[in-house]
Amino acid sequence: MHIEIFSEKHIPEAAEIEKICFSDPWSEDSLGYLCSSDTACGVAATEDGRLAAYGGIEHVLDTASIINIAVHPDFRRRGYGRAILSALESKACELGAQIIFLDVRESNEPAKSLYLSSGYRIAGIRRGYYSHPRENAIVMAKDLSSGSE
């Protein structure tokens, strides 16, 4: 597993992973946001030259939000999601974030388990946040200021 900054070279494979993983996938243009924005960035995990997982954050002042994490089905349950999460948290700390937030589908038990075991707490619910299918989002947060990331 190799972790690196998400770049334009990752976009085509990431767009394919989006289509596999999500009912409302990001387009290649949307994924480009992770490479071109002053307030967003991403990380990628590769294995043997193949994109296995990626994720992105947005940051403003001392707050970061995870805006996407995806793991290709061929690489699930092998630590890629945890590695991406950890890399995003490290990047958020580098950018001065004191707290990090994320939204997760209410029914996404594997992701919720990962986040809870990584020190996130439930901060609230966004009713009807997701579409295709319509579903609540669980808002989760983690304090990064204690150095426990």
C-alpha atoms as a PDB file:
ATOM      1  CA  MET A   1       0.000   0.000   0.000  1.00  0.00           C
ATOM      2  CA  HIS A   2       1.333   3.390  -1.007  1.00  0.00           C
ATOM      3  CA  ILE A   3      -0.340   6.614   0.227  1.00  0.00           C
ATOM      4  CA  GLU A   4       0.145   9.782  -1.808  1.00  0.00           C
ATOM      5  CA  ILE A   5      -1.527  13.111  -2.533  1.00  0.00           C
ATOM      6  CA  PHE A   6      -4.557  12.735  -4.822  1.00  0.00           C
ATOM      7  CA  SER A   7      -3.689  14.192  -8.230  1.00  0.00           C
ATOM      8  CA  GLU A   8      -5.066  14.450 -11.744  1.00  0.00           C
ATOM      9  CA  LYS A   9      -3.558  11.064 -12.622  1.00  0.00           C
ATOM     10  CA  HIS A  10      -5.972   9.434 -10.134  1.00  0.00           C
ATOM     11  CA  ILE A  11      -9.149  11.014 -11.512  1.00  0.00           C
ATOM     12  CA  PRO A  12     -10.109   8.453 -14.211  1.00  0.00           C
ATOM     13  CA  GLU A  13      -9.790   5.458 -11.854  1.00  0.00           C
ATOM     14  CA  ALA A  14     -11.474   7.374  -9.029  1.00  0.00           C
ATOM     15  CA  ALA A  15     -14.428   8.149 -11.313  1.00  0.00           C
ATOM     16  CA  GLU A  16     -14.805   4.414 -12.016  1.00  0.00           C
ATOM     17  CA  ILE A  17     -14.662   3.623  -8.288  1.00  0.00           C
ATOM     18  CA  GLU A  18     -17.317   6.306  -7.697  1.00  0.00           C
ATOM     19  CA  LYS A  19     -19.655   4.527 -10.119  1.00  0.00           C
ATOM     20  CA  ILE A  20     -19.126   1.210  -8.328  1.00  0.00           C
ATOM     21  CA  CYS A  21     -19.418   2.539  -4.779  1.00  0.00           C
ATOM     22  CA  PHE A  22     -22.033   5.284  -4.841  1.00  0.00           C
ATOM     23  CA  SER A  23     -25.579   5.721  -6.109  1.00  0.00           C
ATOM     24  CA  ASP A  24     -24.837   9.398  -6.824  1.00  0.00           C
ATOM     25  CA  PRO A  25     -21.203   9.302  -8.031  1.00  0.00           C
ATOM     26  CA  TRP A  26     -18.925  12.287  -8.458  1.00  0.00           C
ATOM     27  CA  SER A  27     -17.973  13.117 -12.037  1.00  0.00           C
ATOM     28  CA  GLU A  28     -14.371  13.491 -13.206  1.00  0.00           C
ATOM     29  CA  ASP A  29     -14.871  17.271 -13.068  1.00  0.00           C
ATOM     30  CA  SER A  30     -16.064  17.039  -9.463  1.00  0.00           C
ATOM     31  CA  LEU A  31     -13.097  14.859  -8.521  1.00  0.00           C
ATOM     32  CA  GLY A  32     -10.824  17.482 -10.073  1.00  0.00           C
ATOM     33  CA  TYR A  33     -11.887  19.769  -7.226  1.00  0.00           C
ATOM     34  CA  LEU A  34      -9.631  17.733  -4.924  1.00  0.00           C
ATOM     35  CA  CYS A  35      -6.639  18.732  -7.087  1.00  0.00           C
ATOM     36  CA  SER A  36      -7.458  22.334  -7.899  1.00  0.00           C
ATOM     37  CA  SER A  37      -9.110  23.965  -4.891  1.00  0.00           C
ATOM     38  CA  ASP A  38      -7.363  26.093  -2.291  1.00  0.00           C
ATOM     39  CA  THR A  39      -9.752  24.735   0.348  1.00  0.00           C
ATOM     40  CA  ALA A  40      -9.784  21.030  -0.554  1.00  0.00           C
ATOM     41  CA  CYS A  41      -7.283  18.248  -1.028  1.00  0.00           C
ATOM     42  CA  GLY A  42      -7.221  14.498  -1.267  1.00  0.00           C
ATOM     43  CA  VAL A  43      -5.140  11.411  -0.646  1.00  0.00           C
ATOM     44  CA  ALA A  44      -4.892   8.207  -2.654  1.00  0.00           C
ATOM     45  CA  ALA A  45      -3.858   4.658  -1.794  1.00  0.00           C
ATOM     46  CA  THR A  46      -2.390   2.576  -4.582  1.00  0.00           C
ATOM     47  CA  GLU A  47      -1.245  -1.000  -4.863  1.00  0.00           C
ATOM     48  CA  ASP A  48       0.858  -2.185  -7.797  1.00  0.00           C
ATOM     49  CA  GLY A  49       0.007   0.996  -9.678  1.00  0.00           C
ATOM     50  CA  ARG A  50      -3.753   0.556  -9.234  1.00  0.00           C
ATOM     51  CA  LEU A  51      -5.922   3.015  -7.305  1.00  0.00           C
ATOM     52  CA  ALA A  52      -7.358   1.103  -4.358  1.00  0.00           C
ATOM     53  CA  ALA A  53      -8.889   3.938  -2.324  1.00  0.00           C
ATOM     54  CA  TYR A  54      -9.026   7.704  -2.027  1.00  0.00           C
ATOM     55  CA  GLY A  55     -10.585  10.421   0.036  1.00  0.00           C
ATOM     56  CA  GLY A  56     -10.854  14.169   0.285  1.00  0.00           C
ATOM     57  CA  ILE A  57     -11.280  16.956   2.785  1.00  0.00           C
ATOM     58  CA  GLU A  58     -12.347  20.560   2.728  1.00  0.00           C
ATOM     59  CA  HIS A  59     -10.846  22.918   5.294  1.00  0.00           C
ATOM     60  CA  VAL A  60     -11.685  26.372   6.566  1.00  0.00           C
ATOM     61  CA  LEU A  61      -9.721  27.927   9.422  1.00  0.00           C
ATOM     62  CA  ASP A  62      -9.585  25.332  12.219  1.00  0.00           C
ATOM     63  CA  THR A  63     -12.272  22.999  10.840  1.00  0.00           C
ATOM     64  CA  ALA A  64     -12.028  20.209   8.277  1.00  0.00           C
ATOM     65  CA  SER A  65     -14.738  18.080   6.715  1.00  0.00           C
ATOM     66  CA  ILE A  66     -14.223  14.734   5.065  1.00  0.00           C
ATOM     67  CA  ILE A  67     -16.123  15.037   1.807  1.00  0.00           C
ATOM     68  CA  ASN A  68     -15.442  11.611   0.362  1.00  0.00           C
ATOM     69  CA  ILE A  69     -13.825   8.264   1.084  1.00  0.00           C
ATOM     70  CA  ALA A  70     -14.101   5.343  -1.333  1.00  0.00           C
ATOM     71  CA  VAL A  71     -12.456   1.933  -1.381  1.00  0.00           C
ATOM     72  CA  HIS A  72     -12.627  -0.246  -4.482  1.00  0.00           C
ATOM     73  CA  PRO A  73     -14.470  -3.505  -3.621  1.00  0.00           C
ATOM     74  CA  ASP A  74     -11.365  -5.552  -4.527  1.00  0.00           C
ATOM     75  CA  PHE A  75      -9.470  -3.844  -1.685  1.00  0.00           C
ATOM     76  CA  ARG A  76     -12.068  -3.765   1.095  1.00  0.00           C
ATOM     77  CA  ARG A  77     -11.399  -5.202   4.563  1.00  0.00           C
ATOM     78  CA  ARG A  78      -7.650  -4.816   4.021  1.00  0.00           C
ATOM     79  CA  GLY A  79      -7.057  -1.563   5.921  1.00  0.00           C
ATOM     80  CA  TYR A  80      -7.358   0.861   3.023  1.00  0.00           C
ATOM     81  CA  GLY A  81     -10.299   2.772   4.475  1.00  0.00           C
ATOM     82  CA  ARG A  82      -8.519   3.197   7.814  1.00  0.00           C
ATOM     83  CA  ALA A  83      -5.301   4.271   6.045  1.00  0.00           C
ATOM     84  CA  ILE A  84      -7.156   6.898   3.986  1.00  0.00           C
ATOM     85  CA  LEU A  85      -8.989   8.152   7.078  1.00  0.00           C
ATOM     86  CA  SER A  86      -5.715   8.460   9.003  1.00  0.00           C
ATOM     87  CA  ALA A  87      -4.003  10.243   6.097  1.00  0.00           C
ATOM     88  CA  LEU A  88      -6.894  12.707   5.808  1.00  0.00           C
ATOM     89  CA  GLU A  89      -6.738  13.407   9.545  1.00  0.00           C
ATOM     90  CA  SER A  90      -2.983  14.019   9.300  1.00  0.00           C
ATOM     91  CA  LYS A  91      -3.512  16.367   6.360  1.00  0.00           C
ATOM     92  CA  ALA A  92      -6.230  18.221   8.307  1.00  0.00           C
ATOM     93  CA  CYS A  93      -3.820  18.664  11.235  1.00  0.00           C
ATOM     94  CA  GLU A  94      -1.124  19.986   8.867  1.00  0.00           C
ATOM     95  CA  LEU A  95      -3.659  22.548   7.657  1.00  0.00           C
ATOM     96  CA  GLY A  96      -4.399  23.651  11.237  1.00  0.00           C
ATOM     97  CA  ALA A  97      -7.704  21.881  11.809  1.00  0.00           C
ATOM     98  CA  GLN A  98      -8.713  21.351  15.417  1.00  0.00           C
ATOM     99  CA  ILE A  99     -11.842  19.350  14.618  1.00  0.00           C
ATOM    100  CA  ILE A 100     -12.915  17.196  11.690  1.00  0.00           C
ATOM    101  CA  PHE A 101     -16.465  16.322  10.608  1.00  0.00           C
ATOM    102  CA  LEU A 102     -17.986  13.810   8.216  1.00  0.00           C
ATOM    103  CA  ASP A 103     -21.401  12.605   7.072  1.00  0.00           C
ATOM    104  CA  VAL A 104     -22.193   8.927   6.639  1.00  0.00           C
ATOM    105  CA  ARG A 105     -25.321   7.162   5.452  1.00  0.00           C
ATOM    106  CA  GLU A 106     -27.356   5.871   8.371  1.00  0.00           C
ATOM    107  CA  SER A 107     -27.326   2.363   6.842  1.00  0.00           C
ATOM    108  CA  ASN A 108     -23.552   2.242   6.175  1.00  0.00           C
ATOM    109  CA  GLU A 109     -22.606   0.039   9.124  1.00  0.00           C
ATOM    110  CA  PRO A 110     -19.026  -0.757   7.978  1.00  0.00           C
ATOM    111  CA  ALA A 111     -18.179   2.939   7.637  1.00  0.00           C
ATOM    112  CA  LYS A 112     -19.855   3.879  10.918  1.00  0.00           C
ATOM    113  CA  SER A 113     -17.920   1.120  12.681  1.00  0.00           C
ATOM    114  CA  LEU A 114     -14.641   2.386  11.191  1.00  0.00           C
ATOM    115  CA  TYR A 115     -15.336   5.950  12.269  1.00  0.00           C
ATOM    116  CA  LEU A 116     -16.439   5.034  15.792  1.00  0.00           C
ATOM    117  CA  SER A 117     -13.380   2.809  16.278  1.00  0.00           C
ATOM    118  CA  SER A 118     -11.215   5.713  15.053  1.00  0.00           C
ATOM    119  CA  GLY A 119     -12.438   8.095  17.736  1.00  0.00           C
ATOM    120  CA  TYR A 120     -15.353   9.821  16.032  1.00  0.00           C
ATOM    121  CA  ARG A 121     -18.510  10.595  17.963  1.00  0.00           C
ATOM    122  CA  ILE A 122     -22.036  11.109  16.701  1.00  0.00           C
ATOM    123  CA  ALA A 123     -22.733  14.836  16.572  1.00  0.00           C
ATOM    124  CA  GLY A 124     -26.167  14.871  14.922  1.00  0.00           C
ATOM    125  CA  ILE A 125     -28.439  13.751  12.112  1.00  0.00           C
ATOM    126  CA  ARG A 126     -29.220  15.412   8.780  1.00  0.00           C
ATOM    127  CA  ARG A 127     -32.701  14.157   7.917  1.00  0.00           C
ATOM    128  CA  GLY A 128     -33.195  13.139   4.282  1.00  0.00           C
ATOM    129  CA  TYR A 129     -29.685  14.319   3.371  1.00  0.00           C
ATOM    130  CA  TYR A 130     -28.901  11.607   0.837  1.00  0.00           C
ATOM    131  CA  SER A 131     -30.870  10.787  -2.288  1.00  0.00           C
ATOM    132  CA  HIS A 132     -30.864   7.654  -4.474  1.00  0.00           C
ATOM    133  CA  PRO A 133     -32.158   6.301  -2.083  1.00  0.00           C
ATOM    134  CA  ARG A 134     -33.331   9.012   0.292  1.00  0.00           C
ATOM    135  CA  GLU A 135     -31.684   8.492   3.657  1.00  0.00           C
ATOM    136  CA  ASN A 136     -30.548  10.317   6.764  1.00  0.00           C
ATOM    137  CA  ALA A 137     -26.906  11.226   7.278  1.00  0.00           C
ATOM    138  CA  ILE A 138     -25.209  10.695  10.603  1.00  0.00           C
ATOM    139  CA  VAL A 139     -22.898  13.639  11.328  1.00  0.00           C
ATOM    140  CA  MET A 140     -19.750  12.528  13.135  1.00  0.00           C
ATOM    141  CA  ALA A 141     -16.906  14.583  14.598  1.00  0.00           C
ATOM    142  CA  LYS A 142     -13.441  14.067  16.028  1.00  0.00           C
ATOM    143  CA  ASP A 143     -11.324  16.445  18.097  1.00  0.00           C
ATOM    144  CA  LEU A 144      -7.892  16.679  16.479  1.00  0.00           C
ATOM    145  CA  SER A 145      -6.463  19.177  18.970  1.00  0.00           C
ATOM    146  CA  SER A 146      -5.582  16.566  21.587  1.00  0.00           C
ATOM    147  CA  GLY A 147      -3.081  14.841  19.300  1.00  0.00           C
ATOM    148  CA  SER A 148      -5.068  11.601  19.498  1.00  0.00           C
ATOM    149  CA  GLU A 149      -5.481  11.206  15.768  1.00  0.00           C
END
